[in-house]
Amino acid sequence: MITRIDHIGVAVQDLEESLKLYRDILGIEVSKIKEFEGMKIAFLPVGDSEIEILQDITPNGAIANFIAKKGQGIQHVALAVDDIKEALKAASEKGLALIDKEPRIGAGGYPIAFLHPKSTQGVLLEL
């Protein structure tokens, strides 16, 4: 069962430049910045959710490829679920394409899995 929007991932070319908007102009505090799987990620809590600002450190990573195709902007929406294995099983049984057939540990330290945007009306969904 989906319980809330956990976070929204925003793909950017320059993390520090993007923080000028989110932190300096909009006033959203940065809880941490970390490197994870070839990305530099800033975590910005907003109520019960978060904005994750994602910058590729490598030129051919997923974020760089996303920006090359679609430009900077929302890259994914993460939904909190009660049981990720059950959520993946239910999604698969209902015909959704899974990028991750088994959960893996994400940047926040929790199990995650992605649903392919070709089966979710063009939106990359993270559980």
Protein backbone atom coordinates (compact mmCIF):
# COMPACT_ATOMS: atom_id res chain seq x y z
CA MET A 1 0.00 0.00 0.00
CA ILE A 2 1.29 3.44 -0.92
CA THR A 3 1.42 5.66 2.15
CA ARG A 4 2.76 9.00 0.87
CA ILE A 5 5.11 10.73 -1.55
CA ASP A 6 8.54 10.08 -0.07
CA HIS A 7 10.52 12.38 -2.33
CA ILE A 8 10.81 13.95 -5.73
CA GLY A 9 14.10 13.58 -7.59
CA VAL A 10 15.22 16.59 -9.61
CA ALA A 11 17.98 16.14 -12.22
CA VAL A 12 20.37 19.08 -12.50
CA GLN A 13 23.62 19.86 -14.26
CA ASP A 14 25.12 21.83 -11.37
CA LEU A 15 24.10 21.02 -7.80
CA GLU A 16 25.58 24.17 -6.26
CA GLU A 17 23.86 26.37 -8.84
CA SER A 18 20.53 24.61 -8.17
CA LEU A 19 20.91 25.11 -4.42
CA LYS A 20 20.91 28.85 -5.05
CA LEU A 21 17.24 28.42 -5.99
CA TYR A 22 16.08 25.78 -3.49
CA ARG A 23 18.17 26.84 -0.46
CA ASP A 24 18.99 30.50 -0.95
CA ILE A 25 15.85 31.81 -2.67
CA LEU A 26 13.13 29.37 -1.55
CA GLY A 27 14.65 28.89 1.91
CA ILE A 28 14.54 25.07 1.99
CA GLU A 29 17.18 23.73 4.39
CA VAL A 30 19.64 21.12 3.11
CA SER A 31 19.81 18.20 5.54
CA LYS A 32 22.82 16.57 3.85
CA ILE A 33 24.78 16.27 0.64
CA LYS A 34 26.33 12.95 -0.28
CA GLU A 35 27.89 11.08 -3.16
CA PHE A 36 26.16 7.85 -4.14
CA GLU A 37 26.64 5.63 -7.20
CA GLY A 38 28.26 8.30 -9.36
CA MET A 39 25.89 11.08 -8.28
CA LYS A 40 26.08 14.02 -5.92
CA ILE A 41 22.77 14.32 -4.09
CA ALA A 42 21.39 17.08 -1.88
CA PHE A 43 18.51 16.13 0.43
CA LEU A 44 16.03 18.90 1.22
CA PRO A 45 13.22 17.94 3.63
CA VAL A 46 9.83 19.54 3.01
CA GLY A 47 7.22 18.44 5.56
CA ASP A 48 6.87 14.64 5.44
CA SER A 49 8.56 14.52 2.03
CA GLU A 50 11.85 15.53 0.51
CA ILE A 51 13.32 17.01 -2.62
CA GLU A 52 16.44 15.23 -3.85
CA ILE A 53 18.63 17.31 -6.13
CA LEU A 54 20.64 14.89 -8.32
CA GLN A 55 23.81 15.74 -10.25
CA ASP A 56 25.87 13.19 -12.12
CA ILE A 57 29.56 13.14 -11.32
CA THR A 58 30.25 11.06 -14.44
CA PRO A 59 29.40 12.18 -17.99
CA ASN A 60 27.49 9.01 -18.95
CA GLY A 61 25.42 8.37 -15.84
CA ALA A 62 21.65 8.08 -15.60
CA ILE A 63 21.16 11.71 -14.61
CA ALA A 64 23.40 13.04 -17.39
CA ASN A 65 21.54 10.85 -19.90
CA PHE A 66 18.18 12.07 -18.58
CA ILE A 67 19.27 15.71 -18.94
CA ALA A 68 20.60 15.08 -22.46
CA LYS A 69 17.19 13.70 -23.52
CA LYS A 70 14.74 15.80 -21.50
CA GLY A 71 16.65 18.67 -19.92
CA GLN A 72 16.85 19.51 -16.25
CA GLY A 73 13.78 18.86 -14.13
CA ILE A 74 11.81 16.21 -12.30
CA GLN A 75 13.50 12.87 -12.93
CA HIS A 76 11.44 10.61 -10.65
CA VAL A 77 8.74 10.46 -8.00
CA ALA A 78 9.31 8.18 -5.01
CA LEU A 79 6.34 6.63 -3.24
CA ALA A 80 6.60 5.21 0.28
CA VAL A 81 5.07 1.75 0.59
CA ASP A 82 4.31 -0.50 3.55
CA ASP A 83 6.11 -3.54 2.08
CA ILE A 84 8.36 -3.04 -0.93
CA LYS A 85 8.49 -6.73 -1.90
CA GLU A 86 4.71 -6.96 -1.85
CA ALA A 87 4.42 -3.68 -3.76
CA LEU A 88 6.78 -4.99 -6.47
CA LYS A 89 4.88 -8.26 -6.70
CA ALA A 90 1.54 -6.44 -6.99
CA ALA A 91 2.91 -4.03 -9.62
CA SER A 92 4.26 -6.92 -11.69
CA GLU A 93 1.02 -8.89 -11.40
CA LYS A 94 -0.90 -5.83 -12.61
CA GLY A 95 1.30 -5.60 -15.70
CA LEU A 96 3.72 -2.83 -14.77
CA ALA A 97 7.29 -3.16 -16.06
CA LEU A 98 9.88 -3.39 -13.30
CA ILE A 99 13.35 -1.93 -13.64
CA ASP A 100 14.30 -3.61 -10.37
CA LYS A 101 12.84 -7.06 -9.83
CA GLU A 102 14.30 -7.10 -6.31
CA PRO A 103 14.78 -4.16 -3.93
CA ARG A 104 18.22 -2.59 -3.59
CA ILE A 105 19.53 -0.03 -1.14
CA GLY A 106 19.02 3.56 -2.27
CA ALA A 107 20.82 6.80 -1.45
CA GLY A 108 18.72 7.30 1.68
CA GLY A 109 19.77 3.90 3.05
CA TYR A 110 16.42 2.19 2.52
CA PRO A 111 15.33 -0.54 0.09
CA ILE A 112 14.09 0.89 -3.20
CA ALA A 113 12.97 -0.34 -6.61
CA PHE A 114 12.00 1.47 -9.80
CA LEU A 115 9.03 0.95 -12.10
CA HIS A 116 9.71 1.57 -15.79
CA PRO A 117 8.16 4.77 -17.17
CA LYS A 118 6.95 2.95 -20.30
CA SER A 119 4.31 1.33 -18.10
CA THR A 120 3.61 4.28 -15.76
CA GLN A 121 2.50 6.92 -18.26
CA GLY A 122 6.01 8.29 -18.74
CA VAL A 123 6.84 8.80 -15.06
CA LEU A 124 9.79 7.01 -13.47
CA LEU A 125 8.34 5.78 -10.18
CA GLU A 126 10.48 4.68 -7.25
CA LEU A 127 9.00 2.55 -4.50
